[in-house]
Amino acid sequence: MKTTLQILEEAKRSVECGWTQGCWAKNDFGREIGYYTSSATCFCAEGAMFRASGQMYNSIDFYHPLNDALSRFKEAIETEKSIPDWNDFEGRTQDEVVEAFERAIALEKALHPSEQVAS
């Protein structure tokens, strides 16, 4: 099972390669698609974390590191909004989402320095 840090780092890389709003993932043709499919190439922040974790939305284990990744990202964005609402906010940019992942990763490293792995 991946650690919280691994989930955040992989999700950040996914968003750097392709980011979207309004759905969890899209394919190369801009069509909404499941984040778990091999043809998904663009991800929202939450979809990228689910993809990185390997967990399905409706079967998430309460103790899975994905929950900590979602919490860490929520701390990084410092808002009362949900992650999808923050991601989908009009005017939000891919760079802002990547920067939020960087802050979440820094928070996780500060909390669990022994779990650090090479990116």
PDB file of N, CA and C in Angstrom:
ATOM      1  N   MET A   1       0.848  -1.177   0.000  1.00  0.00           N
ATOM      2  CA  MET A   1       0.000   0.000   0.000  1.00  0.00           C
ATOM      3  C   MET A   1       0.894   1.242   0.000  1.00  0.00           C
ATOM      4  N   LYS A   2       0.529   2.215  -0.782  1.00  0.00           N
ATOM      5  CA  LYS A   2       1.297   3.458  -0.859  1.00  0.00           C
ATOM      6  C   LYS A   2       1.112   4.270   0.420  1.00  0.00           C
ATOM      7  N   THR A   3       2.128   5.056   0.737  1.00  0.00           N
ATOM      8  CA  THR A   3       2.023   5.972   1.870  1.00  0.00           C
ATOM      9  C   THR A   3       1.272   7.234   1.431  1.00  0.00           C
ATOM     10  N   THR A   4       0.896   8.020   2.398  1.00  0.00           N
ATOM     11  CA  THR A   4       0.258   9.303   2.113  1.00  0.00           C
ATOM     12  C   THR A   4       1.168  10.168   1.250  1.00  0.00           C
ATOM     13  N   LEU A   5       2.442  10.205   1.587  1.00  0.00           N
ATOM     14  CA  LEU A   5       3.394  11.006   0.819  1.00  0.00           C
ATOM     15  C   LEU A   5       3.485  10.521  -0.629  1.00  0.00           C
ATOM     16  N   GLN A   6       3.530   9.236  -0.829  1.00  0.00           N
ATOM     17  CA  GLN A   6       3.590   8.694  -2.191  1.00  0.00           C
ATOM     18  C   GLN A   6       2.342   9.062  -2.981  1.00  0.00           C
ATOM     19  N   ILE A   7       1.183   9.021  -2.348  1.00  0.00           N
ATOM     20  CA  ILE A   7      -0.069   9.386  -3.018  1.00  0.00           C
ATOM     21  C   ILE A   7      -0.025  10.856  -3.435  1.00  0.00           C
ATOM     22  N   LEU A   8       0.387  11.723  -2.526  1.00  0.00           N
ATOM     23  CA  LEU A   8       0.449  13.157  -2.838  1.00  0.00           C
ATOM     24  C   LEU A   8       1.448  13.447  -3.953  1.00  0.00           C
ATOM     25  N   GLU A   9       2.609  12.807  -3.907  1.00  0.00           N
ATOM     26  CA  GLU A   9       3.622  13.053  -4.935  1.00  0.00           C
ATOM     27  C   GLU A   9       3.167  12.549  -6.305  1.00  0.00           C
ATOM     28  N   GLU A  10       2.563  11.371  -6.334  1.00  0.00           N
ATOM     29  CA  GLU A  10       2.087  10.834  -7.614  1.00  0.00           C
ATOM     30  C   GLU A  10       0.935  11.670  -8.159  1.00  0.00           C
ATOM     31  N   ALA A  11       0.039  12.102  -7.291  1.00  0.00           N
ATOM     32  CA  ALA A  11      -1.083  12.941  -7.717  1.00  0.00           C
ATOM     33  C   ALA A  11      -0.580  14.266  -8.280  1.00  0.00           C
ATOM     34  N   LYS A  12       0.414  14.839  -7.640  1.00  0.00           N
ATOM     35  CA  LYS A  12       1.007  16.092  -8.138  1.00  0.00           C
ATOM     36  C   LYS A  12       1.557  15.886  -9.545  1.00  0.00           C
ATOM     37  N   ARG A  13       2.276  14.800  -9.757  1.00  0.00           N
ATOM     38  CA  ARG A  13       2.828  14.529 -11.094  1.00  0.00           C
ATOM     39  C   ARG A  13       1.703  14.373 -12.126  1.00  0.00           C
ATOM     40  N   SER A  14       0.613  13.731 -11.732  1.00  0.00           N
ATOM     41  CA  SER A  14      -0.524  13.564 -12.653  1.00  0.00           C
ATOM     42  C   SER A  14      -1.105  14.911 -13.051  1.00  0.00           C
ATOM     43  N   VAL A  15      -1.280  15.795 -12.073  1.00  0.00           N
ATOM     44  CA  VAL A  15      -1.850  17.120 -12.347  1.00  0.00           C
ATOM     45  C   VAL A  15      -0.885  17.965 -13.170  1.00  0.00           C
ATOM     46  N   GLU A  16       0.413  17.807 -12.943  1.00  0.00           N
ATOM     47  CA  GLU A  16       1.396  18.529 -13.749  1.00  0.00           C
ATOM     48  C   GLU A  16       1.290  18.121 -15.220  1.00  0.00           C
ATOM     49  N   CYS A  17       0.963  16.853 -15.466  1.00  0.00           N
ATOM     50  CA  CYS A  17       0.846  16.349 -16.843  1.00  0.00           C
ATOM     51  C   CYS A  17      -0.472  16.745 -17.495  1.00  0.00           C
ATOM     52  N   GLY A  18      -1.504  16.911 -16.690  1.00  0.00           N
ATOM     53  CA  GLY A  18      -2.809  17.283 -17.228  1.00  0.00           C
ATOM     54  C   GLY A  18      -3.800  17.532 -16.117  1.00  0.00           C
ATOM     55  N   TRP A  19      -4.450  18.683 -16.160  1.00  0.00           N
ATOM     56  CA  TRP A  19      -5.386  19.089 -15.113  1.00  0.00           C
ATOM     57  C   TRP A  19      -6.732  19.419 -15.743  1.00  0.00           C
ATOM     58  N   THR A  20      -7.794  19.184 -14.967  1.00  0.00           N
ATOM     59  CA  THR A  20      -9.130  19.495 -15.463  1.00  0.00           C
ATOM     60  C   THR A  20     -10.005  20.035 -14.341  1.00  0.00           C
ATOM     61  N   GLN A  21     -11.137  20.565 -14.744  1.00  0.00           N
ATOM     62  CA  GLN A  21     -12.159  21.040 -13.815  1.00  0.00           C
ATOM     63  C   GLN A  21     -13.494  20.419 -14.213  1.00  0.00           C
ATOM     64  N   GLY A  22     -14.383  20.297 -13.246  1.00  0.00           N
ATOM     65  CA  GLY A  22     -15.743  19.856 -13.530  1.00  0.00           C
ATOM     66  C   GLY A  22     -15.954  18.353 -13.522  1.00  0.00           C
ATOM     67  N   CYS A  23     -14.888  17.588 -13.438  1.00  0.00           N
ATOM     68  CA  CYS A  23     -14.985  16.132 -13.352  1.00  0.00           C
ATOM     69  C   CYS A  23     -13.667  15.610 -12.799  1.00  0.00           C
ATOM     70  N   TRP A  24     -13.616  14.347 -12.461  1.00  0.00           N
ATOM     71  CA  TRP A  24     -12.407  13.786 -11.863  1.00  0.00           C
ATOM     72  C   TRP A  24     -11.317  13.531 -12.886  1.00  0.00           C
ATOM     73  N   ALA A  25     -11.700  13.228 -14.127  1.00  0.00           N
ATOM     74  CA  ALA A  25     -10.678  12.938 -15.138  1.00  0.00           C
ATOM     75  C   ALA A  25     -11.251  13.094 -16.538  1.00  0.00           C
ATOM     76  N   LYS A  26     -10.332  13.336 -17.477  1.00  0.00           N
ATOM     77  CA  LYS A  26     -10.695  13.398 -18.900  1.00  0.00           C
ATOM     78  C   LYS A  26      -9.643  12.634 -19.691  1.00  0.00           C
ATOM     79  N   ASN A  27     -10.026  12.256 -20.906  1.00  0.00           N
ATOM     80  CA  ASN A  27      -9.065  11.593 -21.801  1.00  0.00           C
ATOM     81  C   ASN A  27      -8.446  12.635 -22.734  1.00  0.00           C
ATOM     82  N   ASP A  28      -7.637  12.169 -23.677  1.00  0.00           N
ATOM     83  CA  ASP A  28      -6.964  13.078 -24.610  1.00  0.00           C
ATOM     84  C   ASP A  28      -7.923  13.864 -25.501  1.00  0.00           C
ATOM     85  N   PHE A  29      -9.159  13.406 -25.604  1.00  0.00           N
ATOM     86  CA  PHE A  29     -10.161  14.077 -26.439  1.00  0.00           C
ATOM     87  C   PHE A  29     -11.020  15.048 -25.631  1.00  0.00           C
ATOM     88  N   GLY A  30     -10.699  15.218 -24.344  1.00  0.00           N
ATOM     89  CA  GLY A  30     -11.445  16.127 -23.487  1.00  0.00           C
ATOM     90  C   GLY A  30     -12.752  15.570 -22.979  1.00  0.00           C
ATOM     91  N   ARG A  31     -12.931  14.264 -23.112  1.00  0.00           N
ATOM     92  CA  ARG A  31     -14.160  13.622 -22.636  1.00  0.00           C
ATOM     93  C   ARG A  31     -13.995  13.160 -21.195  1.00  0.00           C
ATOM     94  N   GLU A  32     -15.048  13.364 -20.402  1.00  0.00           N
ATOM     95  CA  GLU A  32     -15.042  12.890 -19.026  1.00  0.00           C
ATOM     96  C   GLU A  32     -14.902  11.373 -19.014  1.00  0.00           C
ATOM     97  N   ILE A  33     -14.056  10.884 -18.118  1.00  0.00           N
ATOM     98  CA  ILE A  33     -13.755   9.456 -18.062  1.00  0.00           C
ATOM     99  C   ILE A  33     -13.401   9.104 -16.620  1.00  0.00           C
ATOM    100  N   GLY A  34     -13.513   7.860 -16.251  1.00  0.00           N
ATOM    101  CA  GLY A  34     -13.163   7.439 -14.900  1.00  0.00           C
ATOM    102  C   GLY A  34     -11.685   7.653 -14.610  1.00  0.00           C
ATOM    103  N   TYR A  35     -11.386   8.141 -13.434  1.00  0.00           N
ATOM    104  CA  TYR A  35      -9.988   8.398 -13.061  1.00  0.00           C
ATOM    105  C   TYR A  35      -9.154   7.126 -13.029  1.00  0.00           C
ATOM    106  N   TYR A  36      -9.793   5.996 -12.917  1.00  0.00           N
ATOM    107  CA  TYR A  36      -9.121   4.700 -12.796  1.00  0.00           C
ATOM    108  C   TYR A  36      -8.811   4.061 -14.152  1.00  0.00           C
ATOM    109  N   THR A  37      -9.271   4.653 -15.239  1.00  0.00           N
ATOM    110  CA  THR A  37      -9.061   4.043 -16.553  1.00  0.00           C
ATOM    111  C   THR A  37      -7.689   4.417 -17.111  1.00  0.00           C
ATOM    112  N   SER A  38      -7.144   3.556 -17.932  1.00  0.00           N
ATOM    113  CA  SER A  38      -5.809   3.794 -18.487  1.00  0.00           C
ATOM    114  C   SER A  38      -5.782   4.957 -19.475  1.00  0.00           C
ATOM    115  N   SER A  39      -6.923   5.332 -20.025  1.00  0.00           N
ATOM    116  CA  SER A  39      -6.952   6.425 -20.993  1.00  0.00           C
ATOM    117  C   SER A  39      -7.160   7.796 -20.344  1.00  0.00           C
ATOM    118  N   ALA A  40      -7.253   7.852 -19.018  1.00  0.00           N
ATOM    119  CA  ALA A  40      -7.375   9.135 -18.322  1.00  0.00           C
ATOM    120  C   ALA A  40      -6.027   9.857 -18.371  1.00  0.00           C
ATOM    121  N   THR A  41      -6.052  11.110 -18.809  1.00  0.00           N
ATOM    122  CA  THR A  41      -4.809  11.869 -18.950  1.00  0.00           C
ATOM    123  C   THR A  41      -4.820  13.215 -18.229  1.00  0.00           C
ATOM    124  N   CYS A  42      -6.000  13.707 -17.862  1.00  0.00           N
ATOM    125  CA  CYS A  42      -6.129  14.968 -17.144  1.00  0.00           C
ATOM    126  C   CYS A  42      -6.958  14.704 -15.895  1.00  0.00           C
ATOM    127  N   PHE A  43      -6.548  15.284 -14.772  1.00  0.00           N
ATOM    128  CA  PHE A  43      -7.200  14.988 -13.504  1.00  0.00           C
ATOM    129  C   PHE A  43      -7.475  16.249 -12.713  1.00  0.00           C
ATOM    130  N   CYS A  44      -8.567  16.246 -11.962  1.00  0.00           N
ATOM    131  CA  CYS A  44      -8.765  17.280 -10.958  1.00  0.00           C
ATOM    132  C   CYS A  44      -7.930  16.862  -9.744  1.00  0.00           C
ATOM    133  N   ALA A  45      -7.809  17.716  -8.757  1.00  0.00           N
ATOM    134  CA  ALA A  45      -6.981  17.413  -7.590  1.00  0.00           C
ATOM    135  C   ALA A  45      -7.438  16.127  -6.901  1.00  0.00           C
ATOM    136  N   GLU A  46      -8.725  16.002  -6.642  1.00  0.00           N
ATOM    137  CA  GLU A  46      -9.227  14.824  -5.929  1.00  0.00           C
ATOM    138  C   GLU A  46      -9.126  13.572  -6.788  1.00  0.00           C
ATOM    139  N   GLY A  47      -9.449  13.680  -8.058  1.00  0.00           N
ATOM    140  CA  GLY A  47      -9.335  12.537  -8.964  1.00  0.00           C
ATOM    141  C   GLY A  47      -7.912  12.026  -9.052  1.00  0.00           C
ATOM    142  N   ALA A  48      -6.945  12.946  -9.033  1.00  0.00           N
ATOM    143  CA  ALA A  48      -5.536  12.553  -9.089  1.00  0.00           C
ATOM    144  C   ALA A  48      -5.142  11.781  -7.834  1.00  0.00           C
ATOM    145  N   MET A  49      -5.663  12.189  -6.683  1.00  0.00           N
ATOM    146  CA  MET A  49      -5.342  11.474  -5.444  1.00  0.00           C
ATOM    147  C   MET A  49      -5.980  10.090  -5.421  1.00  0.00           C
ATOM    148  N   PHE A  50      -7.223   9.996  -5.877  1.00  0.00           N
ATOM    149  CA  PHE A  50      -7.861   8.681  -5.954  1.00  0.00           C
ATOM    150  C   PHE A  50      -7.100   7.781  -6.921  1.00  0.00           C
ATOM    151  N   ARG A  51      -6.713   8.320  -8.056  1.00  0.00           N
ATOM    152  CA  ARG A  51      -5.955   7.546  -9.051  1.00  0.00           C
ATOM    153  C   ARG A  51      -4.646   7.036  -8.441  1.00  0.00           C
ATOM    154  N   ALA A  52      -3.931   7.931  -7.776  1.00  0.00           N
ATOM    155  CA  ALA A  52      -2.645   7.565  -7.188  1.00  0.00           C
ATOM    156  C   ALA A  52      -2.795   6.503  -6.103  1.00  0.00           C
ATOM    157  N   SER A  53      -3.897   6.536  -5.394  1.00  0.00           N
ATOM    158  CA  SER A  53      -4.097   5.592  -4.285  1.00  0.00           C
ATOM    159  C   SER A  53      -4.521   4.210  -4.751  1.00  0.00           C
ATOM    160  N   GLY A  54      -5.140   4.146  -5.932  1.00  0.00           N
ATOM    161  CA  GLY A  54      -5.672   2.875  -6.405  1.00  0.00           C
ATOM    162  C   GLY A  54      -7.013   2.519  -5.785  1.00  0.00           C
ATOM    163  N   GLN A  55      -7.597   3.425  -5.023  1.00  0.00           N
ATOM    164  CA  GLN A  55      -8.875   3.181  -4.357  1.00  0.00           C
ATOM    165  C   GLN A  55     -10.040   3.628  -5.233  1.00  0.00           C
ATOM    166  N   MET A  56     -11.135   2.910  -5.127  1.00  0.00           N
ATOM    167  CA  MET A  56     -12.372   3.298  -5.797  1.00  0.00           C
ATOM    168  C   MET A  56     -13.147   4.207  -4.846  1.00  0.00           C
ATOM    169  N   TYR A  57     -13.840   5.183  -5.391  1.00  0.00           N
ATOM    170  CA  TYR A  57     -14.556   6.172  -4.581  1.00  0.00           C
ATOM    171  C   TYR A  57     -15.535   5.530  -3.621  1.00  0.00           C
ATOM    172  N   ASN A  58     -16.261   4.520  -4.057  1.00  0.00           N
ATOM    173  CA  ASN A  58     -17.312   3.935  -3.220  1.00  0.00           C
ATOM    174  C   ASN A  58     -16.821   2.804  -2.318  1.00  0.00           C
ATOM    175  N   SER A  59     -15.515   2.539  -2.316  1.00  0.00           N
ATOM    176  CA  SER A  59     -15.018   1.452  -1.474  1.00  0.00           C
ATOM    177  C   SER A  59     -13.800   1.869  -0.652  1.00  0.00           C
ATOM    178  N   ILE A  60     -13.718   3.133  -0.337  1.00  0.00           N
ATOM    179  CA  ILE A  60     -12.549   3.630   0.387  1.00  0.00           C
ATOM    180  C   ILE A  60     -12.536   3.121   1.825  1.00  0.00           C
ATOM    181  N   ASP A  61     -11.394   2.667   2.240  1.00  0.00           N
ATOM    182  CA  ASP A  61     -11.164   2.206   3.597  1.00  0.00           C
ATOM    183  C   ASP A  61     -10.866   3.428   4.461  1.00  0.00           C
ATOM    184  N   PHE A  62     -11.578   3.556   5.565  1.00  0.00           N
ATOM    185  CA  PHE A  62     -11.426   4.721   6.436  1.00  0.00           C
ATOM    186  C   PHE A  62      -9.977   4.923   6.867  1.00  0.00           C
ATOM    187  N   TYR A  63      -9.234   3.851   7.016  1.00  0.00           N
ATOM    188  CA  TYR A  63      -7.855   3.949   7.499  1.00  0.00           C
ATOM    189  C   TYR A  63      -6.825   3.968   6.372  1.00  0.00           C
ATOM    190  N   HIS A  64      -7.269   4.064   5.160  1.00  0.00           N
ATOM    191  CA  HIS A  64      -6.355   4.083   4.014  1.00  0.00           C
ATOM    192  C   HIS A  64      -5.599   5.410   3.984  1.00  0.00           C
ATOM    193  N   PRO A  65      -4.322   5.403   3.576  1.00  0.00           N
ATOM    194  CA  PRO A  65      -3.553   6.648   3.473  1.00  0.00           C
ATOM    195  C   PRO A  65      -4.200   7.703   2.572  1.00  0.00           C
ATOM    196  N   LEU A  66      -5.103   7.297   1.687  1.00  0.00           N
ATOM    197  CA  LEU A  66      -5.804   8.277   0.861  1.00  0.00           C
ATOM    198  C   LEU A  66      -6.543   9.289   1.727  1.00  0.00           C
ATOM    199  N   ASN A  67      -7.130   8.846   2.822  1.00  0.00           N
ATOM    200  CA  ASN A  67      -7.834   9.784   3.703  1.00  0.00           C
ATOM    201  C   ASN A  67      -6.891  10.838   4.243  1.00  0.00           C
ATOM    202  N   ASP A  68      -5.684  10.418   4.604  1.00  0.00           N
ATOM    203  CA  ASP A  68      -4.700  11.386   5.089  1.00  0.00           C
ATOM    204  C   ASP A  68      -4.255  12.324   3.968  1.00  0.00           C
ATOM    205  N   ALA A  69      -4.110  11.803   2.754  1.00  0.00           N
ATOM    206  CA  ALA A  69      -3.733  12.644   1.615  1.00  0.00           C
ATOM    207  C   ALA A  69      -4.802  13.710   1.360  1.00  0.00           C
ATOM    208  N   LEU A  70      -6.054  13.305   1.387  1.00  0.00           N
ATOM    209  CA  LEU A  70      -7.153  14.259   1.196  1.00  0.00           C
ATOM    210  C   LEU A  70      -7.146  15.308   2.302  1.00  0.00           C
ATOM    211  N   SER A  71      -6.913  14.870   3.535  1.00  0.00           N
ATOM    212  CA  SER A  71      -6.860  15.809   4.669  1.00  0.00           C
ATOM    213  C   SER A  71      -5.695  16.771   4.534  1.00  0.00           C
ATOM    214  N   ARG A  72      -4.531  16.258   4.143  1.00  0.00           N
ATOM    215  CA  ARG A  72      -3.358  17.102   3.998  1.00  0.00           C
ATOM    216  C   ARG A  72      -3.585  18.142   2.897  1.00  0.00           C
ATOM    217  N   PHE A  73      -4.200  17.730   1.788  1.00  0.00           N
ATOM    218  CA  PHE A  73      -4.486  18.681   0.705  1.00  0.00           C
ATOM    219  C   PHE A  73      -5.464  19.741   1.193  1.00  0.00           C
ATOM    220  N   LYS A  74      -6.467  19.328   1.937  1.00  0.00           N
ATOM    221  CA  LYS A  74      -7.462  20.265   2.475  1.00  0.00           C
ATOM    222  C   LYS A  74      -6.773  21.286   3.386  1.00  0.00           C
ATOM    223  N   GLU A  75      -5.827  20.823   4.197  1.00  0.00           N
ATOM    224  CA  GLU A  75      -5.058  21.750   5.040  1.00  0.00           C
ATOM    225  C   GLU A  75      -4.268  22.728   4.173  1.00  0.00           C
ATOM    226  N   ALA A  76      -3.722  22.245   3.082  1.00  0.00           N
ATOM    227  CA  ALA A  76      -2.882  23.074   2.208  1.00  0.00           C
ATOM    228  C   ALA A  76      -3.668  24.161   1.497  1.00  0.00           C
ATOM    229  N   ILE A  77      -4.929  23.899   1.184  1.00  0.00           N
ATOM    230  CA  ILE A  77      -5.704  24.914   0.459  1.00  0.00           C
ATOM    231  C   ILE A  77      -6.384  25.911   1.395  1.00  0.00           C
ATOM    232  N   GLU A  78      -6.403  25.619   2.687  1.00  0.00           N
ATOM    233  CA  GLU A  78      -6.888  26.554   3.703  1.00  0.00           C
ATOM    234  C   GLU A  78      -8.214  27.195   3.344  1.00  0.00           C
ATOM    235  N   THR A  79      -9.227  26.370   3.160  1.00  0.00           N
ATOM    236  CA  THR A  79     -10.551  26.881   2.838  1.00  0.00           C
ATOM    237  C   THR A  79     -11.609  25.959   3.417  1.00  0.00           C
ATOM    238  N   GLU A  80     -12.794  26.487   3.549  1.00  0.00           N
ATOM    239  CA  GLU A  80     -13.925  25.681   3.999  1.00  0.00           C
ATOM    240  C   GLU A  80     -14.556  24.911   2.840  1.00  0.00           C
ATOM    241  N   LYS A  81     -14.185  25.275   1.623  1.00  0.00           N
ATOM    242  CA  LYS A  81     -14.741  24.609   0.442  1.00  0.00           C
ATOM    243  C   LYS A  81     -14.262  23.165   0.382  1.00  0.00           C
ATOM    244  N   SER A  82     -15.026  22.344  -0.309  1.00  0.00           N
ATOM    245  CA  SER A  82     -14.573  20.981  -0.571  1.00  0.00           C
ATOM    246  C   SER A  82     -13.435  21.053  -1.590  1.00  0.00           C
ATOM    247  N   ILE A  83     -12.667  19.985  -1.683  1.00  0.00           N
ATOM    248  CA  ILE A  83     -11.578  19.958  -2.659  1.00  0.00           C
ATOM    249  C   ILE A  83     -12.120  20.146  -4.077  1.00  0.00           C
ATOM    250  N   PRO A  84     -13.202  19.432  -4.473  1.00  0.00           N
ATOM    251  CA  PRO A  84     -13.731  19.668  -5.830  1.00  0.00           C
ATOM    252  C   PRO A  84     -14.202  21.104  -6.051  1.00  0.00           C
ATOM    253  N   ASP A  85     -14.849  21.703  -5.057  1.00  0.00           N
ATOM    254  CA  ASP A  85     -15.296  23.094  -5.216  1.00  0.00           C
ATOM    255  C   ASP A  85     -14.106  24.036  -5.355  1.00  0.00           C
ATOM    256  N   TRP A  86     -13.056  23.792  -4.581  1.00  0.00           N
ATOM    257  CA  TRP A  86     -11.852  24.617  -4.691  1.00  0.00           C
ATOM    258  C   TRP A  86     -11.206  24.436  -6.063  1.00  0.00           C
ATOM    259  N   ASN A  87     -11.051  23.186  -6.491  1.00  0.00           N
ATOM    260  CA  ASN A  87     -10.446  22.871  -7.789  1.00  0.00           C
ATOM    261  C   ASN A  87     -11.227  23.509  -8.938  1.00  0.00           C
ATOM    262  N   ASP A  88     -12.554  23.471  -8.837  1.00  0.00           N
ATOM    263  CA  ASP A  88     -13.420  23.917  -9.929  1.00  0.00           C
ATOM    264  C   ASP A  88     -13.753  25.407  -9.885  1.00  0.00           C
ATOM    265  N   PHE A  89     -13.231  26.122  -8.916  1.00  0.00           N
ATOM    266  CA  PHE A  89     -13.510  27.549  -8.791  1.00  0.00           C
ATOM    267  C   PHE A  89     -13.099  28.270 -10.065  1.00  0.00           C
ATOM    268  N   GLU A  90     -13.985  29.128 -10.549  1.00  0.00           N
ATOM    269  CA  GLU A  90     -13.700  29.857 -11.780  1.00  0.00           C
ATOM    270  C   GLU A  90     -12.431  30.686 -11.624  1.00  0.00           C
ATOM    271  N   GLY A  91     -11.527  30.546 -12.560  1.00  0.00           N
ATOM    272  CA  GLY A  91     -10.264  31.262 -12.522  1.00  0.00           C
ATOM    273  C   GLY A  91      -9.122  30.469 -11.898  1.00  0.00           C
ATOM    274  N   ARG A  92      -9.450  29.317 -11.287  1.00  0.00           N
ATOM    275  CA  ARG A  92      -8.396  28.466 -10.712  1.00  0.00           C
ATOM    276  C   ARG A  92      -7.471  28.023 -11.835  1.00  0.00           C
ATOM    277  N   THR A  93      -6.180  27.908 -11.547  1.00  0.00           N
ATOM    278  CA  THR A  93      -5.222  27.500 -12.572  1.00  0.00           C
ATOM    279  C   THR A  93      -4.528  26.187 -12.186  1.00  0.00           C
ATOM    280  N   GLN A  94      -3.980  25.547 -13.182  1.00  0.00           N
ATOM    281  CA  GLN A  94      -3.213  24.330 -12.968  1.00  0.00           C
ATOM    282  C   GLN A  94      -2.034  24.608 -12.031  1.00  0.00           C
ATOM    283  N   ASP A  95      -1.378  25.735 -12.221  1.00  0.00           N
ATOM    284  CA  ASP A  95      -0.243  26.089 -11.361  1.00  0.00           C
ATOM    285  C   ASP A  95      -0.661  26.194  -9.897  1.00  0.00           C
ATOM    286  N   GLU A  96      -1.836  26.741  -9.633  1.00  0.00           N
ATOM    287  CA  GLU A  96      -2.318  26.854  -8.256  1.00  0.00           C
ATOM    288  C   GLU A  96      -2.556  25.472  -7.648  1.00  0.00           C
ATOM    289  N   VAL A  97      -3.051  24.558  -8.438  1.00  0.00           N
ATOM    290  CA  VAL A  97      -3.305  23.194  -7.951  1.00  0.00           C
ATOM    291  C   VAL A  97      -1.975  22.489  -7.667  1.00  0.00           C
ATOM    292  N   VAL A  98      -1.019  22.639  -8.557  1.00  0.00           N
ATOM    293  CA  VAL A  98       0.307  22.047  -8.343  1.00  0.00           C
ATOM    294  C   VAL A  98       0.935  22.641  -7.079  1.00  0.00           C
ATOM    295  N   GLU A  99       0.834  23.943  -6.897  1.00  0.00           N
ATOM    296  CA  GLU A  99       1.383  24.594  -5.706  1.00  0.00           C
ATOM    297  C   GLU A  99       0.710  24.076  -4.436  1.00  0.00           C
ATOM    298  N   ALA A 100      -0.595  23.813  -4.494  1.00  0.00           N
ATOM    299  CA  ALA A 100      -1.301  23.257  -3.340  1.00  0.00           C
ATOM    300  C   ALA A 100      -0.774  21.862  -3.021  1.00  0.00           C
ATOM    301  N   PHE A 101      -0.498  21.068  -4.062  1.00  0.00           N
ATOM    302  CA  PHE A 101       0.103  19.757  -3.818  1.00  0.00           C
ATOM    303  C   PHE A 101       1.478  19.911  -3.172  1.00  0.00           C
ATOM    304  N   GLU A 102       2.248  20.875  -3.620  1.00  0.00           N
ATOM    305  CA  GLU A 102       3.569  21.102  -3.025  1.00  0.00           C
ATOM    306  C   GLU A 102       3.454  21.446  -1.544  1.00  0.00           C
ATOM    307  N   ARG A 103       2.466  22.275  -1.176  1.00  0.00           N
ATOM    308  CA  ARG A 103       2.248  22.607   0.235  1.00  0.00           C
ATOM    309  C   ARG A 103       1.789  21.373   1.021  1.00  0.00           C
ATOM    310  N   ALA A 104       0.908  20.570   0.430  1.00  0.00           N
ATOM    311  CA  ALA A 104       0.429  19.355   1.102  1.00  0.00           C
ATOM    312  C   ALA A 104       1.581  18.375   1.325  1.00  0.00           C
ATOM    313  N   ILE A 105       2.452  18.262   0.349  1.00  0.00           N
ATOM    314  CA  ILE A 105       3.622  17.380   0.461  1.00  0.00           C
ATOM    315  C   ILE A 105       4.539  17.884   1.580  1.00  0.00           C
ATOM    316  N   ALA A 106       4.763  19.180   1.639  1.00  0.00           N
ATOM    317  CA  ALA A 106       5.603  19.752   2.697  1.00  0.00           C
ATOM    318  C   ALA A 106       4.990  19.500   4.078  1.00  0.00           C
ATOM    319  N   LEU A 107       3.675  19.636   4.186  1.00  0.00           N
ATOM    320  CA  LEU A 107       2.995  19.354   5.458  1.00  0.00           C
ATOM    321  C   LEU A 107       3.179  17.894   5.855  1.00  0.00           C
ATOM    322  N   GLU A 108       3.006  16.999   4.897  1.00  0.00           N
ATOM    323  CA  GLU A 108       3.145  15.567   5.178  1.00  0.00           C
ATOM    324  C   GLU A 108       4.570  15.226   5.581  1.00  0.00           C
ATOM    325  N   LYS A 109       5.551  15.805   4.908  1.00  0.00           N
ATOM    326  CA  LYS A 109       6.957  15.552   5.259  1.00  0.00           C
ATOM    327  C   LYS A 109       7.266  16.059   6.662  1.00  0.00           C
ATOM    328  N   ALA A 110       6.673  17.182   7.039  1.00  0.00           N
ATOM    329  CA  ALA A 110       6.896  17.720   8.381  1.00  0.00           C
ATOM    330  C   ALA A 110       6.270  16.816   9.446  1.00  0.00           C
ATOM    331  N   LEU A 111       5.133  16.231   9.131  1.00  0.00           N
ATOM    332  CA  LEU A 111       4.445  15.349  10.084  1.00  0.00           C
ATOM    333  C   LEU A 111       5.081  13.973  10.182  1.00  0.00           C
ATOM    334  N   HIS A 112       5.603  13.475   9.074  1.00  0.00           N
ATOM    335  CA  HIS A 112       6.132  12.104   9.020  1.00  0.00           C
ATOM    336  C   HIS A 112       7.478  12.075   8.291  1.00  0.00           C
ATOM    337  N   PRO A 113       8.498  12.648   8.874  1.00  0.00           N
ATOM    338  CA  PRO A 113       9.782  12.713   8.170  1.00  0.00           C
ATOM    339  C   PRO A 113      10.381  11.337   7.856  1.00  0.00           C
ATOM    340  N   SER A 114      10.040  10.312   8.591  1.00  0.00           N
ATOM    341  CA  SER A 114      10.609   8.981   8.347  1.00  0.00           C
ATOM    342  C   SER A 114      10.030   8.318   7.106  1.00  0.00           C
ATOM    343  N   GLU A 115       8.913   8.814   6.578  1.00  0.00           N
ATOM    344  CA  GLU A 115       8.279   8.217   5.407  1.00  0.00           C
ATOM    345  C   GLU A 115       8.775   8.812   4.101  1.00  0.00           C
ATOM    346  N   GLN A 116       9.689   9.760   4.160  1.00  0.00           N
ATOM    347  CA  GLN A 116      10.126  10.430   2.936  1.00  0.00           C
ATOM    348  C   GLN A 116      10.805   9.454   1.995  1.00  0.00           C
ATOM    349  N   VAL A 117      10.386   9.533   0.740  1.00  0.00           N
ATOM    350  CA  VAL A 117      10.978   8.717  -0.315  1.00  0.00           C
ATOM    351  C   VAL A 117      11.405   9.632  -1.457  1.00  0.00           C
ATOM    352  N   ALA A 118      12.281   9.152  -2.273  1.00  0.00           N
ATOM    353  CA  ALA A 118      12.720   9.946  -3.429  1.00  0.00           C
ATOM    354  C   ALA A 118      11.570  10.135  -4.391  1.00  0.00           C
ATOM    355  N   SER A 119      11.421  11.356  -4.899  1.00  0.00           N
ATOM    356  CA  SER A 119      10.350  11.664  -5.848  1.00  0.00           C
ATOM    357  C   SER A 119      10.703  11.163  -7.225  1.00  0.00           C
TER     358      SER A 119
END
